[in-house]
Amino acid sequence: MADINIEVTDTIDITDVTCPITFVKSKVAIEELEEGEVLQIHLNSGEPLENVPRSLAEEGHEVLKKVDNGDGTWELYVKRGAD
């Protein structure tokens, strides 16, 4: 993904929960945003990193960027899609 400047609207940390709650918390958070706003999600590698971006994309949102923090966690940037 291209290195882009992203203006974040809201941030959540889901490193303390497991699937499927990771997706549920992410979905609730992004649905509170307006179309075009960006949610930054702090999540663990492994199953959350595989499932959350895929599931949000299936819901019509755009995954902008994934950033490896180098400690087993990632930052995921997702733009809210249209309803």
PDB file of N, CA and C in Angstrom:
ATOM      1  N   MET A   1       0.835  -1.171   0.000  1.00  0.00           N
ATOM      2  CA  MET A   1       0.000   0.000   0.000  1.00  0.00           C
ATOM      3  C   MET A   1       0.882   1.236   0.000  1.00  0.00           C
ATOM      4  N   ALA A   2       0.444   2.222  -0.683  1.00  0.00           N
ATOM      5  CA  ALA A   2       1.227   3.450  -0.802  1.00  0.00           C
ATOM      6  C   ALA A   2       1.340   4.148   0.553  1.00  0.00           C
ATOM      7  N   ASP A   3       2.441   4.842   0.744  1.00  0.00           N
ATOM      8  CA  ASP A   3       2.632   5.611   1.959  1.00  0.00           C
ATOM      9  C   ASP A   3       1.828   6.895   1.818  1.00  0.00           C
ATOM     10  N   ILE A   4       0.725   6.964   2.550  1.00  0.00           N
ATOM     11  CA  ILE A   4      -0.173   8.103   2.430  1.00  0.00           C
ATOM     12  C   ILE A   4      -0.381   8.755   3.792  1.00  0.00           C
ATOM     13  N   ASN A   5      -0.696  10.031   3.775  1.00  0.00           N
ATOM     14  CA  ASN A   5      -1.006  10.751   4.997  1.00  0.00           C
ATOM     15  C   ASN A   5      -2.482  10.528   5.293  1.00  0.00           C
ATOM     16  N   ILE A   6      -2.779   9.970   6.448  1.00  0.00           N
ATOM     17  CA  ILE A   6      -4.150   9.608   6.791  1.00  0.00           C
ATOM     18  C   ILE A   6      -4.610  10.451   7.976  1.00  0.00           C
ATOM     19  N   GLU A   7      -5.728  11.131   7.813  1.00  0.00           N
ATOM     20  CA  GLU A   7      -6.330  11.884   8.912  1.00  0.00           C
ATOM     21  C   GLU A   7      -7.294  10.964   9.653  1.00  0.00           C
ATOM     22  N   VAL A   8      -6.937  10.612  10.877  1.00  0.00           N
ATOM     23  CA  VAL A   8      -7.709   9.666  11.678  1.00  0.00           C
ATOM     24  C   VAL A   8      -8.821  10.394  12.428  1.00  0.00           C
ATOM     25  N   THR A   9     -10.034   9.845  12.357  1.00  0.00           N
ATOM     26  CA  THR A   9     -11.187  10.413  13.037  1.00  0.00           C
ATOM     27  C   THR A   9     -11.336   9.841  14.442  1.00  0.00           C
ATOM     28  N   ASP A  10     -11.109   8.527  14.582  1.00  0.00           N
ATOM     29  CA  ASP A  10     -11.262   7.855  15.873  1.00  0.00           C
ATOM     30  C   ASP A  10     -10.299   6.681  15.939  1.00  0.00           C
ATOM     31  N   THR A  11      -9.977   6.258  17.149  1.00  0.00           N
ATOM     32  CA  THR A  11      -9.049   5.149  17.371  1.00  0.00           C
ATOM     33  C   THR A  11      -9.641   4.186  18.394  1.00  0.00           C
ATOM     34  N   ILE A  12      -9.450   2.872  18.145  1.00  0.00           N
ATOM     35  CA  ILE A  12      -9.824   1.872  19.153  1.00  0.00           C
ATOM     36  C   ILE A  12      -8.675   0.887  19.318  1.00  0.00           C
ATOM     37  N   ASP A  13      -8.618   0.273  20.483  1.00  0.00           N
ATOM     38  CA  ASP A  13      -7.622  -0.751  20.803  1.00  0.00           C
ATOM     39  C   ASP A  13      -8.374  -2.040  21.093  1.00  0.00           C
ATOM     40  N   ILE A  14      -8.149  -3.058  20.240  1.00  0.00           N
ATOM     41  CA  ILE A  14      -8.835  -4.340  20.438  1.00  0.00           C
ATOM     42  C   ILE A  14      -7.834  -5.460  20.736  1.00  0.00           C
ATOM     43  N   THR A  15      -6.687  -5.083  21.276  1.00  0.00           N
ATOM     44  CA  THR A  15      -5.666  -6.092  21.588  1.00  0.00           C
ATOM     45  C   THR A  15      -6.046  -6.943  22.793  1.00  0.00           C
ATOM     46  N   ASP A  16      -7.030  -6.520  23.565  1.00  0.00           N
ATOM     47  CA  ASP A  16      -7.415  -7.249  24.776  1.00  0.00           C
ATOM     48  C   ASP A  16      -8.591  -8.196  24.570  1.00  0.00           C
ATOM     49  N   VAL A  17      -9.061  -8.344  23.317  1.00  0.00           N
ATOM     50  CA  VAL A  17     -10.191  -9.236  23.038  1.00  0.00           C
ATOM     51  C   VAL A  17      -9.818 -10.210  21.920  1.00  0.00           C
ATOM     52  N   THR A  18     -10.606 -11.287  21.804  1.00  0.00           N
ATOM     53  CA  THR A  18     -10.354 -12.303  20.786  1.00  0.00           C
ATOM     54  C   THR A  18     -11.501 -12.329  19.781  1.00  0.00           C
ATOM     55  N   CYS A  19     -11.253 -12.993  18.651  1.00  0.00           N
ATOM     56  CA  CYS A  19     -12.270 -13.148  17.615  1.00  0.00           C
ATOM     57  C   CYS A  19     -13.416 -13.977  18.185  1.00  0.00           C
ATOM     58  N   PRO A  20     -14.652 -13.687  17.862  1.00  0.00           N
ATOM     59  CA  PRO A  20     -15.142 -12.704  16.904  1.00  0.00           C
ATOM     60  C   PRO A  20     -15.389 -11.315  17.508  1.00  0.00           C
ATOM     61  N   ILE A  21     -15.075 -11.130  18.789  1.00  0.00           N
ATOM     62  CA  ILE A  21     -15.323  -9.839  19.431  1.00  0.00           C
ATOM     63  C   ILE A  21     -14.484  -8.739  18.786  1.00  0.00           C
ATOM     64  N   THR A  22     -13.318  -9.086  18.244  1.00  0.00           N
ATOM     65  CA  THR A  22     -12.482  -8.084  17.573  1.00  0.00           C
ATOM     66  C   THR A  22     -13.256  -7.432  16.431  1.00  0.00           C
ATOM     67  N   PHE A  23     -13.941  -8.238  15.637  1.00  0.00           N
ATOM     68  CA  PHE A  23     -14.724  -7.691  14.531  1.00  0.00           C
ATOM     69  C   PHE A  23     -15.926  -6.912  15.046  1.00  0.00           C
ATOM     70  N   VAL A  24     -16.598  -7.439  16.056  1.00  0.00           N
ATOM     71  CA  VAL A  24     -17.786  -6.779  16.599  1.00  0.00           C
ATOM     72  C   VAL A  24     -17.432  -5.372  17.095  1.00  0.00           C
ATOM     73  N   LYS A  25     -16.353  -5.250  17.869  1.00  0.00           N
ATOM     74  CA  LYS A  25     -15.938  -3.931  18.378  1.00  0.00           C
ATOM     75  C   LYS A  25     -15.547  -2.996  17.232  1.00  0.00           C
ATOM     76  N   SER A  26     -14.862  -3.540  16.229  1.00  0.00           N
ATOM     77  CA  SER A  26     -14.458  -2.726  15.076  1.00  0.00           C
ATOM     78  C   SER A  26     -15.674  -2.252  14.292  1.00  0.00           C
ATOM     79  N   LYS A  27     -16.631  -3.142  14.089  1.00  0.00           N
ATOM     80  CA  LYS A  27     -17.839  -2.797  13.331  1.00  0.00           C
ATOM     81  C   LYS A  27     -18.641  -1.722  14.055  1.00  0.00           C
ATOM     82  N   VAL A  28     -18.807  -1.858  15.357  1.00  0.00           N
ATOM     83  CA  VAL A  28     -19.549  -0.858  16.133  1.00  0.00           C
ATOM     84  C   VAL A  28     -18.847   0.495  16.045  1.00  0.00           C
ATOM     85  N   ALA A  29     -17.517   0.505  16.183  1.00  0.00           N
ATOM     86  CA  ALA A  29     -16.756   1.761  16.147  1.00  0.00           C
ATOM     87  C   ALA A  29     -16.856   2.444  14.789  1.00  0.00           C
ATOM     88  N   ILE A  30     -16.743   1.678  13.708  1.00  0.00           N
ATOM     89  CA  ILE A  30     -16.773   2.303  12.379  1.00  0.00           C
ATOM     90  C   ILE A  30     -18.181   2.779  12.030  1.00  0.00           C
ATOM     91  N   GLU A  31     -19.188   2.105  12.545  1.00  0.00           N
ATOM     92  CA  GLU A  31     -20.565   2.523  12.263  1.00  0.00           C
ATOM     93  C   GLU A  31     -20.918   3.828  12.967  1.00  0.00           C
ATOM     94  N   GLU A  32     -20.138   4.223  13.971  1.00  0.00           N
ATOM     95  CA  GLU A  32     -20.361   5.493  14.655  1.00  0.00           C
ATOM     96  C   GLU A  32     -19.780   6.670  13.868  1.00  0.00           C
ATOM     97  N   LEU A  33     -18.976   6.376  12.851  1.00  0.00           N
ATOM     98  CA  LEU A  33     -18.357   7.414  12.030  1.00  0.00           C
ATOM     99  C   LEU A  33     -19.264   7.784  10.859  1.00  0.00           C
ATOM    100  N   GLU A  34     -18.968   8.924  10.254  1.00  0.00           N
ATOM    101  CA  GLU A  34     -19.651   9.347   9.034  1.00  0.00           C
ATOM    102  C   GLU A  34     -18.916   8.755   7.833  1.00  0.00           C
ATOM    103  N   GLU A  35     -19.597   8.637   6.716  1.00  0.00           N
ATOM    104  CA  GLU A  35     -18.980   8.142   5.492  1.00  0.00           C
ATOM    105  C   GLU A  35     -17.723   8.955   5.174  1.00  0.00           C
ATOM    106  N   GLY A  36     -16.626   8.263   4.874  1.00  0.00           N
ATOM    107  CA  GLY A  36     -15.374   8.918   4.517  1.00  0.00           C
ATOM    108  C   GLY A  36     -14.432   9.153   5.688  1.00  0.00           C
ATOM    109  N   GLU A  37     -14.935   9.033   6.920  1.00  0.00           N
ATOM    110  CA  GLU A  37     -14.061   9.197   8.083  1.00  0.00           C
ATOM    111  C   GLU A  37     -13.233   7.934   8.295  1.00  0.00           C
ATOM    112  N   VAL A  38     -12.125   8.079   9.037  1.00  0.00           N
ATOM    113  CA  VAL A  38     -11.161   6.985   9.172  1.00  0.00           C
ATOM    114  C   VAL A  38     -11.046   6.516  10.619  1.00  0.00           C
ATOM    115  N   LEU A  39     -11.099   5.203  10.780  1.00  0.00           N
ATOM    116  CA  LEU A  39     -10.911   4.558  12.074  1.00  0.00           C
ATOM    117  C   LEU A  39      -9.543   3.905  12.104  1.00  0.00           C
ATOM    118  N   GLN A  40      -8.772   4.176  13.152  1.00  0.00           N
ATOM    119  CA  GLN A  40      -7.492   3.506  13.387  1.00  0.00           C
ATOM    120  C   GLN A  40      -7.743   2.416  14.421  1.00  0.00           C
ATOM    121  N   ILE A  41      -7.389   1.180  14.072  1.00  0.00           N
ATOM    122  CA  ILE A  41      -7.620   0.041  14.949  1.00  0.00           C
ATOM    123  C   ILE A  41      -6.273  -0.547  15.357  1.00  0.00           C
ATOM    124  N   HIS A  42      -6.025  -0.614  16.652  1.00  0.00           N
ATOM    125  CA  HIS A  42      -4.814  -1.235  17.197  1.00  0.00           C
ATOM    126  C   HIS A  42      -5.189  -2.681  17.503  1.00  0.00           C
ATOM    127  N   LEU A  43      -4.556  -3.645  16.797  1.00  0.00           N
ATOM    128  CA  LEU A  43      -4.934  -5.041  16.938  1.00  0.00           C
ATOM    129  C   LEU A  43      -3.717  -5.951  16.916  1.00  0.00           C
ATOM    130  N   ASN A  44      -3.950  -7.184  17.344  1.00  0.00           N
ATOM    131  CA  ASN A  44      -2.885  -8.186  17.368  1.00  0.00           C
ATOM    132  C   ASN A  44      -2.712  -8.824  16.000  1.00  0.00           C
ATOM    133  N   SER A  45      -1.512  -9.356  15.767  1.00  0.00           N
ATOM    134  CA  SER A  45      -1.285 -10.121  14.541  1.00  0.00           C
ATOM    135  C   SER A  45      -2.016 -11.453  14.672  1.00  0.00           C
ATOM    136  N   GLY A  46      -1.995 -12.239  13.603  1.00  0.00           N
ATOM    137  CA  GLY A  46      -2.679 -13.524  13.617  1.00  0.00           C
ATOM    138  C   GLY A  46      -4.115 -13.394  13.175  1.00  0.00           C
ATOM    139  N   GLU A  47      -4.999 -14.095  13.879  1.00  0.00           N
ATOM    140  CA  GLU A  47      -6.405 -14.149  13.490  1.00  0.00           C
ATOM    141  C   GLU A  47      -7.069 -12.766  13.399  1.00  0.00           C
ATOM    142  N   PRO A  48      -6.869 -11.866  14.377  1.00  0.00           N
ATOM    143  CA  PRO A  48      -7.492 -10.539  14.230  1.00  0.00           C
ATOM    144  C   PRO A  48      -7.028  -9.800  12.974  1.00  0.00           C
ATOM    145  N   LEU A  49      -5.741  -9.860  12.674  1.00  0.00           N
ATOM    146  CA  LEU A  49      -5.201  -9.168  11.505  1.00  0.00           C
ATOM    147  C   LEU A  49      -5.719  -9.772  10.203  1.00  0.00           C
ATOM    148  N   GLU A  50      -6.022 -11.047  10.222  1.00  0.00           N
ATOM    149  CA  GLU A  50      -6.576 -11.705   9.036  1.00  0.00           C
ATOM    150  C   GLU A  50      -8.067 -11.401   8.881  1.00  0.00           C
ATOM    151  N   ASN A  51      -8.808 -11.489   9.980  1.00  0.00           N
ATOM    152  CA  ASN A  51     -10.269 -11.431   9.908  1.00  0.00           C
ATOM    153  C   ASN A  51     -10.863 -10.026   9.914  1.00  0.00           C
ATOM    154  N   VAL A  52     -10.340  -9.133  10.735  1.00  0.00           N
ATOM    155  CA  VAL A  52     -10.952  -7.800  10.866  1.00  0.00           C
ATOM    156  C   VAL A  52     -10.909  -7.028   9.543  1.00  0.00           C
ATOM    157  N   PRO A  53      -9.741  -6.907   8.881  1.00  0.00           N
ATOM    158  CA  PRO A  53      -9.740  -6.162   7.610  1.00  0.00           C
ATOM    159  C   PRO A  53     -10.641  -6.799   6.544  1.00  0.00           C
ATOM    160  N   ARG A  54     -10.612  -8.112   6.460  1.00  0.00           N
ATOM    161  CA  ARG A  54     -11.442  -8.815   5.470  1.00  0.00           C
ATOM    162  C   ARG A  54     -12.917  -8.574   5.740  1.00  0.00           C
ATOM    163  N   SER A  55     -13.311  -8.714   6.992  1.00  0.00           N
ATOM    164  CA  SER A  55     -14.723  -8.546   7.350  1.00  0.00           C
ATOM    165  C   SER A  55     -15.197  -7.113   7.148  1.00  0.00           C
ATOM    166  N   LEU A  56     -14.364  -6.139   7.500  1.00  0.00           N
ATOM    167  CA  LEU A  56     -14.755  -4.738   7.292  1.00  0.00           C
ATOM    168  C   LEU A  56     -14.865  -4.416   5.805  1.00  0.00           C
ATOM    169  N   ALA A  57     -13.965  -4.967   4.994  1.00  0.00           N
ATOM    170  CA  ALA A  57     -14.034  -4.769   3.541  1.00  0.00           C
ATOM    171  C   ALA A  57     -15.316  -5.386   2.981  1.00  0.00           C
ATOM    172  N   GLU A  58     -15.688  -6.551   3.498  1.00  0.00           N
ATOM    173  CA  GLU A  58     -16.930  -7.197   3.056  1.00  0.00           C
ATOM    174  C   GLU A  58     -18.155  -6.362   3.421  1.00  0.00           C
ATOM    175  N   GLU A  59     -18.033  -5.551   4.472  1.00  0.00           N
ATOM    176  CA  GLU A  59     -19.118  -4.662   4.901  1.00  0.00           C
ATOM    177  C   GLU A  59     -19.170  -3.380   4.067  1.00  0.00           C
ATOM    178  N   GLY A  60     -18.196  -3.190   3.154  1.00  0.00           N
ATOM    179  CA  GLY A  60     -18.197  -2.034   2.275  1.00  0.00           C
ATOM    180  C   GLY A  60     -17.260  -0.912   2.680  1.00  0.00           C
ATOM    181  N   HIS A  61     -16.379  -1.181   3.645  1.00  0.00           N
ATOM    182  CA  HIS A  61     -15.415  -0.173   4.084  1.00  0.00           C
ATOM    183  C   HIS A  61     -14.083  -0.404   3.374  1.00  0.00           C
ATOM    184  N   GLU A  62     -13.244   0.625   3.331  1.00  0.00           N
ATOM    185  CA  GLU A  62     -11.987   0.548   2.591  1.00  0.00           C
ATOM    186  C   GLU A  62     -10.792   0.481   3.543  1.00  0.00           C
ATOM    187  N   VAL A  63     -10.032  -0.603   3.443  1.00  0.00           N
ATOM    188  CA  VAL A  63      -8.805  -0.725   4.227  1.00  0.00           C
ATOM    189  C   VAL A  63      -7.739   0.119   3.527  1.00  0.00           C
ATOM    190  N   LEU A  64      -7.274   1.156   4.219  1.00  0.00           N
ATOM    191  CA  LEU A  64      -6.314   2.081   3.631  1.00  0.00           C
ATOM    192  C   LEU A  64      -4.876   1.636   3.833  1.00  0.00           C
ATOM    193  N   LYS A  65      -4.578   1.114   5.020  1.00  0.00           N
ATOM    194  CA  LYS A  65      -3.185   0.816   5.337  1.00  0.00           C
ATOM    195  C   LYS A  65      -3.099  -0.098   6.547  1.00  0.00           C
ATOM    196  N   LYS A  66      -2.080  -0.968   6.558  1.00  0.00           N
ATOM    197  CA  LYS A  66      -1.733  -1.799   7.710  1.00  0.00           C
ATOM    198  C   LYS A  66      -0.288  -1.486   8.066  1.00  0.00           C
ATOM    199  N   VAL A  67      -0.023  -1.227   9.344  1.00  0.00           N
ATOM    200  CA  VAL A  67       1.319  -0.883   9.793  1.00  0.00           C
ATOM    201  C   VAL A  67       1.737  -1.847  10.898  1.00  0.00           C
ATOM    202  N   ASP A  68       2.861  -2.539  10.686  1.00  0.00           N
ATOM    203  CA  ASP A  68       3.412  -3.464  11.667  1.00  0.00           C
ATOM    204  C   ASP A  68       4.164  -2.664  12.724  1.00  0.00           C
ATOM    205  N   ASN A  69       3.751  -2.795  13.973  1.00  0.00           N
ATOM    206  CA  ASN A  69       4.415  -2.086  15.069  1.00  0.00           C
ATOM    207  C   ASN A  69       5.679  -2.807  15.538  1.00  0.00           C
ATOM    208  N   GLY A  70       5.923  -4.022  15.033  1.00  0.00           N
ATOM    209  CA  GLY A  70       7.128  -4.762  15.378  1.00  0.00           C
ATOM    210  C   GLY A  70       7.080  -5.454  16.732  1.00  0.00           C
ATOM    211  N   ASP A  71       5.928  -5.407  17.389  1.00  0.00           N
ATOM    212  CA  ASP A  71       5.803  -6.036  18.711  1.00  0.00           C
ATOM    213  C   ASP A  71       4.646  -7.033  18.766  1.00  0.00           C
ATOM    214  N   GLY A  72       4.211  -7.488  17.600  1.00  0.00           N
ATOM    215  CA  GLY A  72       3.077  -8.409  17.540  1.00  0.00           C
ATOM    216  C   GLY A  72       1.743  -7.703  17.402  1.00  0.00           C
ATOM    217  N   THR A  73       1.782  -6.374  17.333  1.00  0.00           N
ATOM    218  CA  THR A  73       0.550  -5.613  17.119  1.00  0.00           C
ATOM    219  C   THR A  73       0.653  -4.815  15.824  1.00  0.00           C
ATOM    220  N   TRP A  74      -0.481  -4.407  15.331  1.00  0.00           N
ATOM    221  CA  TRP A  74      -0.575  -3.662  14.074  1.00  0.00           C
ATOM    222  C   TRP A  74      -1.511  -2.484  14.240  1.00  0.00           C
ATOM    223  N   GLU A  75      -1.365  -1.508  13.363  1.00  0.00           N
ATOM    224  CA  GLU A  75      -2.321  -0.412  13.224  1.00  0.00           C
ATOM    225  C   GLU A  75      -3.019  -0.622  11.883  1.00  0.00           C
ATOM    226  N   LEU A  76      -4.328  -0.627  11.923  1.00  0.00           N
ATOM    227  CA  LEU A  76      -5.136  -0.796  10.723  1.00  0.00           C
ATOM    228  C   LEU A  76      -5.947   0.484  10.525  1.00  0.00           C
ATOM    229  N   TYR A  77      -5.885   1.038   9.319  1.00  0.00           N
ATOM    230  CA  TYR A  77      -6.617   2.265   8.991  1.00  0.00           C
ATOM    231  C   TYR A  77      -7.726   1.921   8.018  1.00  0.00           C
ATOM    232  N   VAL A  78      -8.967   2.214   8.417  1.00  0.00           N
ATOM    233  CA  VAL A  78     -10.125   1.837   7.613  1.00  0.00           C
ATOM    234  C   VAL A  78     -11.029   3.053   7.406  1.00  0.00           C
ATOM    235  N   LYS A  79     -11.360   3.305   6.146  1.00  0.00           N
ATOM    236  CA  LYS A  79     -12.270   4.411   5.801  1.00  0.00           C
ATOM    237  C   LYS A  79     -13.698   3.893   5.755  1.00  0.00           C
ATOM    238  N   ARG A  80     -14.579   4.618   6.419  1.00  0.00           N
ATOM    239  CA  ARG A  80     -15.994   4.229   6.471  1.00  0.00           C
ATOM    240  C   ARG A  80     -16.614   4.379   5.096  1.00  0.00           C
ATOM    241  N   GLY A  81     -17.272   3.312   4.662  1.00  0.00           N
ATOM    242  CA  GLY A  81     -17.956   3.327   3.386  1.00  0.00           C
ATOM    243  C   GLY A  81     -19.380   3.833   3.524  1.00  0.00           C
ATOM    244  N   ALA A  82     -20.081   3.866   2.409  1.00  0.00           N
ATOM    245  CA  ALA A  82     -21.490   4.282   2.400  1.00  0.00           C
ATOM    246  C   ALA A  82     -22.358   3.193   2.993  1.00  0.00           C
ATOM    247  N   ASP A  83     -23.501   3.592   3.514  1.00  0.00           N
ATOM    248  CA  ASP A  83     -24.454   2.605   4.050  1.00  0.00           C
ATOM    249  C   ASP A  83     -25.098   1.822   2.944  1.00  0.00           C
TER     250      ASP A  83
END
